[in-house]
């Protein structure tokens, strides 16, 4: 098995990398309502406390990359800032959201703990540089069009700005029309460059444009995809969760049921501990 990334000090005194347990980024795909954010945050905090998982709350104020012009995008930046401030203040947890424009980075710098760069913008140098220069952690979704070795350029751009706070999230690669595939080789390749790896189990189950004017997906494969990633010793997991995914305003086919999340994370954590503590020799 390939080495994992170097141990690093993370947020709020947590440590990631090496043999440390995976951390979790999770929340509803888009900010549908304050009530939804409260419901998901409360339950995810309880779950992660019971399991001993370091938790970062995620939700988007704008889904700029939608299949249809008529699809719900979110409440916008101004309301999004208020929502993130509310969650962070009420629960005392780190928060993450995605940014699409350089101007959004400065507006969010006093609120969020991690900037997320969307996959389709993973090569946008100005966006990467602006996020890195804030001194915050930057989580870059690996573009569906990128080979894993190309992520060295992402790392180099952030380091050139004087920051070592970089993460790369694998979320599948384009495989023909309307399909993604998760290639497990991505993880050891990124680890060989000493890049902390997060696996996005929900977006990796997407079928882009596969449902006509919306993105389809195969939610039933999310546990299998996440199991494969965890078996290779990743540093973090990303998943979008919702109390009623079929009624969600975004990614209704791939958000995971909130009610099923604790059981899945419990099983994944067992695999993580077996792999990272050396109790199972898989070399």
Protein backbone atom coordinates (compact mmCIF):
# COMPACT_ATOMS: atom_id res chain seq x y z
CA UNK A 1 0.00 0.00 0.00
CA UNK A 2 1.25 3.51 -0.80
CA UNK A 3 2.16 5.92 1.94
CA UNK A 4 -0.37 8.41 3.21
CA UNK A 5 0.18 12.14 3.39
CA UNK A 6 2.32 13.69 6.10
CA UNK A 7 0.67 14.52 9.43
CA UNK A 8 -0.47 18.15 9.48
CA UNK A 9 -2.01 20.46 12.02
CA UNK A 10 -5.51 21.19 10.82
CA UNK A 11 -8.41 23.23 12.16
CA UNK A 12 -9.23 23.74 15.85
CA UNK A 13 -6.22 21.70 16.98
CA UNK A 14 -7.11 18.62 14.94
CA UNK A 15 -4.41 16.66 13.09
CA UNK A 16 -4.83 14.99 9.72
CA UNK A 17 -2.67 12.63 7.69
CA UNK A 18 -0.49 9.73 8.77
CA UNK A 19 -2.52 7.27 10.80
CA UNK A 20 -5.10 9.81 12.00
CA UNK A 21 -8.77 8.97 11.39
CA UNK A 22 -10.48 10.56 8.42
CA UNK A 23 -12.26 13.85 8.94
CA UNK A 24 -15.64 14.61 7.40
CA UNK A 25 -17.04 17.45 5.29
CA UNK A 26 -20.82 17.09 5.09
CA UNK A 27 -24.04 19.01 4.75
CA UNK A 28 -26.91 19.68 2.35
CA UNK A 29 -25.87 20.40 -1.22
CA UNK A 30 -27.46 23.84 -1.34
CA UNK A 31 -28.90 26.22 1.26
CA UNK A 32 -32.59 25.53 0.79
CA UNK A 33 -33.66 26.99 4.14
CA UNK A 34 -32.30 27.90 7.56
CA UNK A 35 -34.38 25.08 9.03
CA UNK A 36 -32.68 22.51 6.80
CA UNK A 37 -29.22 23.77 7.75
CA UNK A 38 -30.13 23.52 11.44
CA UNK A 39 -31.52 20.01 11.11
CA UNK A 40 -28.52 18.66 9.25
CA UNK A 41 -25.92 20.45 11.39
CA UNK A 42 -27.46 19.25 14.67
CA UNK A 43 -27.66 15.63 13.59
CA UNK A 44 -24.23 15.53 11.96
CA UNK A 45 -22.61 17.07 15.03
CA UNK A 46 -24.22 14.42 17.25
CA UNK A 47 -23.17 11.60 14.91
CA UNK A 48 -19.58 12.79 14.64
CA UNK A 49 -19.27 13.32 18.40
CA UNK A 50 -20.38 9.76 19.03
CA UNK A 51 -17.93 8.40 16.46
CA UNK A 52 -15.03 10.72 17.26
CA UNK A 53 -14.90 12.17 13.74
CA UNK A 54 -13.71 15.74 13.17
CA UNK A 55 -16.56 17.50 11.37
CA UNK A 56 -16.77 20.45 8.97
CA UNK A 57 -20.18 21.76 7.89
CA UNK A 58 -20.74 22.34 4.16
CA UNK A 59 -23.48 23.95 2.12
CA UNK A 60 -23.51 26.09 -1.02
CA UNK A 61 -25.00 29.56 -1.37
CA UNK A 62 -24.88 29.34 -5.17
CA UNK A 63 -24.81 26.31 -7.44
CA UNK A 64 -23.38 28.09 -10.46
CA UNK A 65 -22.88 24.91 -12.47
CA UNK A 66 -26.39 23.63 -13.17
CA UNK A 67 -27.65 21.60 -16.12
CA UNK A 68 -30.68 23.82 -16.65
CA UNK A 69 -31.09 27.58 -16.41
CA UNK A 70 -34.31 26.88 -14.51
CA UNK A 71 -32.66 24.82 -11.75
CA UNK A 72 -32.55 26.24 -8.21
CA UNK A 73 -29.16 27.81 -7.52
CA UNK A 74 -29.40 28.92 -3.89
CA UNK A 75 -30.02 32.10 -1.87
CA UNK A 76 -26.97 33.99 -3.15
CA UNK A 77 -23.86 35.36 -1.47
CA UNK A 78 -25.43 37.85 0.94
CA UNK A 79 -27.90 35.38 2.44
CA UNK A 80 -25.28 32.64 2.27
CA UNK A 81 -22.93 34.64 4.47
CA UNK A 82 -25.69 35.10 7.04
CA UNK A 83 -26.43 31.37 7.03
CA UNK A 84 -22.79 30.39 7.48
CA UNK A 85 -22.34 32.94 10.27
CA UNK A 86 -25.43 31.52 11.96
CA UNK A 87 -24.23 27.91 11.82
CA UNK A 88 -20.70 28.76 12.91
CA UNK A 89 -21.87 30.94 15.80
CA UNK A 90 -24.61 28.60 17.03
CA UNK A 91 -22.66 25.34 16.87
CA UNK A 92 -19.02 26.42 17.07
CA UNK A 93 -17.96 24.23 14.15
CA UNK A 94 -15.79 24.96 11.11
CA UNK A 95 -17.68 25.79 7.93
CA UNK A 96 -16.89 25.35 4.24
CA UNK A 97 -18.48 26.60 1.06
CA UNK A 98 -17.56 26.75 -2.60
CA UNK A 99 -16.54 29.91 -4.41
CA UNK A 100 -16.77 30.66 -8.12
CA UNK A 101 -15.36 34.17 -8.39
CA UNK A 102 -12.38 35.97 -6.87
CA UNK A 103 -14.68 38.65 -5.43
CA UNK A 104 -16.48 36.06 -3.31
CA UNK A 105 -13.26 35.09 -1.54
CA UNK A 106 -12.77 38.41 0.20
CA UNK A 107 -16.45 38.61 1.17
CA UNK A 108 -16.20 35.23 2.94
CA UNK A 109 -12.72 35.44 4.46
CA UNK A 110 -13.86 36.35 7.99
CA UNK A 111 -16.45 33.56 8.12
CA UNK A 112 -15.44 30.33 6.46
CA UNK A 113 -12.60 28.06 7.52
CA UNK A 114 -12.09 26.27 4.21
CA UNK A 115 -12.56 27.58 0.68
CA UNK A 116 -13.73 24.98 -1.80
CA UNK A 117 -12.81 25.34 -5.45
CA UNK A 118 -15.34 23.57 -7.72
CA UNK A 119 -14.08 20.84 -10.05
CA UNK A 120 -14.73 22.79 -13.23
CA UNK A 121 -12.64 25.67 -11.82
CA UNK A 122 -9.75 23.58 -10.50
CA UNK A 123 -7.36 25.08 -13.08
CA UNK A 124 -8.38 28.70 -12.48
CA UNK A 125 -5.13 30.24 -11.28
CA UNK A 126 -6.58 33.56 -10.09
CA UNK A 127 -9.16 31.77 -7.94
CA UNK A 128 -6.59 29.40 -6.43
CA UNK A 129 -4.16 32.21 -5.70
CA UNK A 130 -6.76 34.49 -4.12
CA UNK A 131 -7.97 31.70 -1.83
CA UNK A 132 -4.45 30.64 -0.86
CA UNK A 133 -3.37 34.19 -0.03
CA UNK A 134 -6.06 34.47 2.66
CA UNK A 135 -4.15 31.93 4.76
CA UNK A 136 -7.22 29.68 4.90
CA UNK A 137 -7.31 26.03 3.93
CA UNK A 138 -8.18 25.45 0.28
CA UNK A 139 -9.99 22.29 -0.82
CA UNK A 140 -9.77 21.83 -4.57
CA UNK A 141 -12.18 19.44 -6.24
CA UNK A 142 -10.17 17.58 -8.88
CA UNK A 143 -11.69 18.31 -12.26
CA UNK A 144 -13.40 15.39 -13.95
CA UNK A 145 -11.10 16.09 -16.88
CA UNK A 146 -7.83 16.05 -14.90
CA UNK A 147 -5.37 13.19 -14.60
CA UNK A 148 -4.31 12.77 -10.96
CA UNK A 149 -0.70 13.64 -11.79
CA UNK A 150 -1.93 17.06 -12.98
CA UNK A 151 -2.80 17.91 -9.38
CA UNK A 152 0.87 18.72 -8.79
CA UNK A 153 0.14 22.02 -10.52
CA UNK A 154 -2.68 22.74 -8.06
CA UNK A 155 -0.32 22.12 -5.17
CA UNK A 156 2.41 24.26 -6.73
CA UNK A 157 0.08 27.21 -7.32
CA UNK A 158 -1.02 27.23 -3.67
CA UNK A 159 2.52 26.79 -2.34
CA UNK A 160 3.78 29.61 -4.56
CA UNK A 161 1.41 31.85 -2.59
CA UNK A 162 3.19 30.90 0.62
CA UNK A 163 0.58 28.44 1.85
CA UNK A 164 0.82 24.77 2.77
CA UNK A 165 -2.91 24.50 3.45
CA UNK A 166 -4.06 22.50 0.45
CA UNK A 167 -6.42 19.56 0.04
CA UNK A 168 -7.52 17.76 -3.11
CA UNK A 169 -10.87 16.03 -3.41
CA UNK A 170 -11.41 13.15 -5.81
CA UNK A 171 -14.94 13.12 -7.27
CA UNK A 172 -14.68 10.83 -10.26
CA UNK A 173 -13.45 11.22 -13.83
CA UNK A 174 -15.46 11.58 -17.04
CA UNK A 175 -15.96 8.19 -18.66
CA UNK A 176 -17.78 8.65 -21.94
CA UNK A 177 -21.04 10.54 -22.05
CA UNK A 178 -23.13 11.05 -18.89
CA UNK A 179 -20.93 8.87 -16.72
CA UNK A 180 -18.20 9.15 -14.11
CA UNK A 181 -15.83 6.50 -12.82
CA UNK A 182 -13.78 6.47 -9.62
CA UNK A 183 -10.30 5.14 -10.33
CA UNK A 184 -8.71 3.99 -7.07
CA UNK A 185 -5.25 4.68 -8.49
CA UNK A 186 -5.94 8.38 -7.94
CA UNK A 187 -5.39 8.06 -4.19
CA UNK A 188 -1.87 6.55 -4.15
CA UNK A 189 -0.84 8.92 -6.97
CA UNK A 190 -1.92 11.96 -4.96
CA UNK A 191 -0.32 10.53 -1.82
CA UNK A 192 2.95 10.10 -3.70
CA UNK A 193 2.94 13.91 -4.09
CA UNK A 194 2.21 14.32 -0.36
CA UNK A 195 -1.24 15.75 -1.05
CA UNK A 196 -3.96 15.11 1.58
CA UNK A 197 -6.82 13.36 -0.20
CA UNK A 198 -10.54 13.73 0.38
CA UNK A 199 -13.00 11.43 -1.35
CA UNK A 200 -16.38 12.76 -2.44
CA UNK A 201 -18.62 9.73 -2.40
CA UNK A 202 -21.81 11.53 -3.40
CA UNK A 203 -20.64 13.43 -6.49
CA UNK A 204 -18.69 10.39 -7.66
CA UNK A 205 -22.05 8.64 -8.00
CA UNK A 206 -23.38 11.25 -10.40
CA UNK A 207 -24.43 10.68 -14.00
CA UNK A 208 -23.84 14.21 -15.37
CA UNK A 209 -26.73 15.25 -17.57
CA UNK A 210 -27.97 11.69 -17.33
CA UNK A 211 -31.53 12.64 -16.46
CA UNK A 212 -32.16 15.02 -19.33
CA UNK A 213 -32.19 18.57 -17.98
CA UNK A 214 -30.74 17.57 -14.59
CA UNK A 215 -27.84 15.48 -13.38
CA UNK A 216 -28.77 11.91 -12.56
CA UNK A 217 -27.05 9.56 -10.18
CA UNK A 218 -26.78 6.15 -8.58
CA UNK A 219 -27.12 6.72 -4.85
CA UNK A 220 -27.06 2.97 -4.20
CA UNK A 221 -23.35 2.82 -5.04
CA UNK A 222 -22.24 5.54 -2.61
CA UNK A 223 -21.36 3.14 0.24
CA UNK A 224 -19.32 0.94 -2.12
CA UNK A 225 -17.40 3.88 -3.57
CA UNK A 226 -16.64 5.27 -0.12
CA UNK A 227 -15.56 1.86 1.15
CA UNK A 228 -13.03 1.57 -1.66
CA UNK A 229 -11.60 5.02 -0.95
CA UNK A 230 -11.34 4.47 2.81
CA UNK A 231 -9.56 1.17 2.28
CA UNK A 232 -6.67 3.16 0.75
CA UNK A 233 -6.19 5.37 3.78
CA UNK A 234 -7.60 8.72 2.71
CA UNK A 235 -7.41 11.77 4.95
CA UNK A 236 -10.98 12.99 4.58
CA UNK A 237 -14.47 12.22 3.32
CA UNK A 238 -16.95 14.53 1.64
CA UNK A 239 -20.64 13.78 1.37
CA UNK A 240 -23.83 15.71 0.83
CA UNK A 241 -26.63 14.63 3.15
CA UNK A 242 -30.31 15.50 3.30
CA UNK A 243 -33.28 14.30 5.38
CA UNK A 244 -35.30 13.67 2.21
CA UNK A 245 -32.97 13.51 -0.82
CA UNK A 246 -35.66 12.93 -3.48
CA UNK A 247 -37.21 16.28 -2.55
CA UNK A 248 -33.89 18.17 -2.50
CA UNK A 249 -33.56 21.17 -4.79
CA UNK A 250 -30.14 20.05 -6.01
CA UNK A 251 -28.49 16.65 -6.51
CA UNK A 252 -31.65 14.83 -5.48
CA UNK A 253 -30.33 11.54 -6.91
CA UNK A 254 -26.99 11.55 -5.09
CA UNK A 255 -27.43 13.25 -1.73
CA UNK A 256 -27.29 10.58 0.97
CA UNK A 257 -30.08 9.96 3.44
CA UNK A 258 -29.33 11.68 6.75
CA UNK A 259 -30.99 8.80 8.59
CA UNK A 260 -28.54 6.29 7.08
CA UNK A 261 -25.38 8.34 7.56
CA UNK A 262 -24.37 7.16 11.03
CA UNK A 263 -24.43 3.49 10.07
CA UNK A 264 -22.34 4.16 6.96
CA UNK A 265 -19.78 6.25 8.84
CA UNK A 266 -19.55 3.64 11.60
CA UNK A 267 -18.61 0.96 9.09
CA UNK A 268 -16.20 3.23 7.23
CA UNK A 269 -14.46 4.21 10.45
CA UNK A 270 -13.86 0.53 11.27
CA UNK A 271 -12.15 0.07 7.91
CA UNK A 272 -10.15 3.27 8.40
CA UNK A 273 -8.84 2.08 11.77
CA UNK A 274 -7.97 -1.38 10.45
CA UNK A 275 -6.03 0.06 7.53
CA UNK A 276 -4.22 2.85 9.35
CA UNK A 277 -3.34 1.14 12.61
CA UNK A 278 -1.63 -1.79 10.93
CA UNK A 279 -4.03 -4.35 12.33
CA UNK A 280 -4.45 -5.67 8.79
CA UNK A 281 -1.47 -6.16 6.50
CA UNK A 282 -2.54 -5.41 2.94
CA UNK A 283 0.89 -4.84 1.38
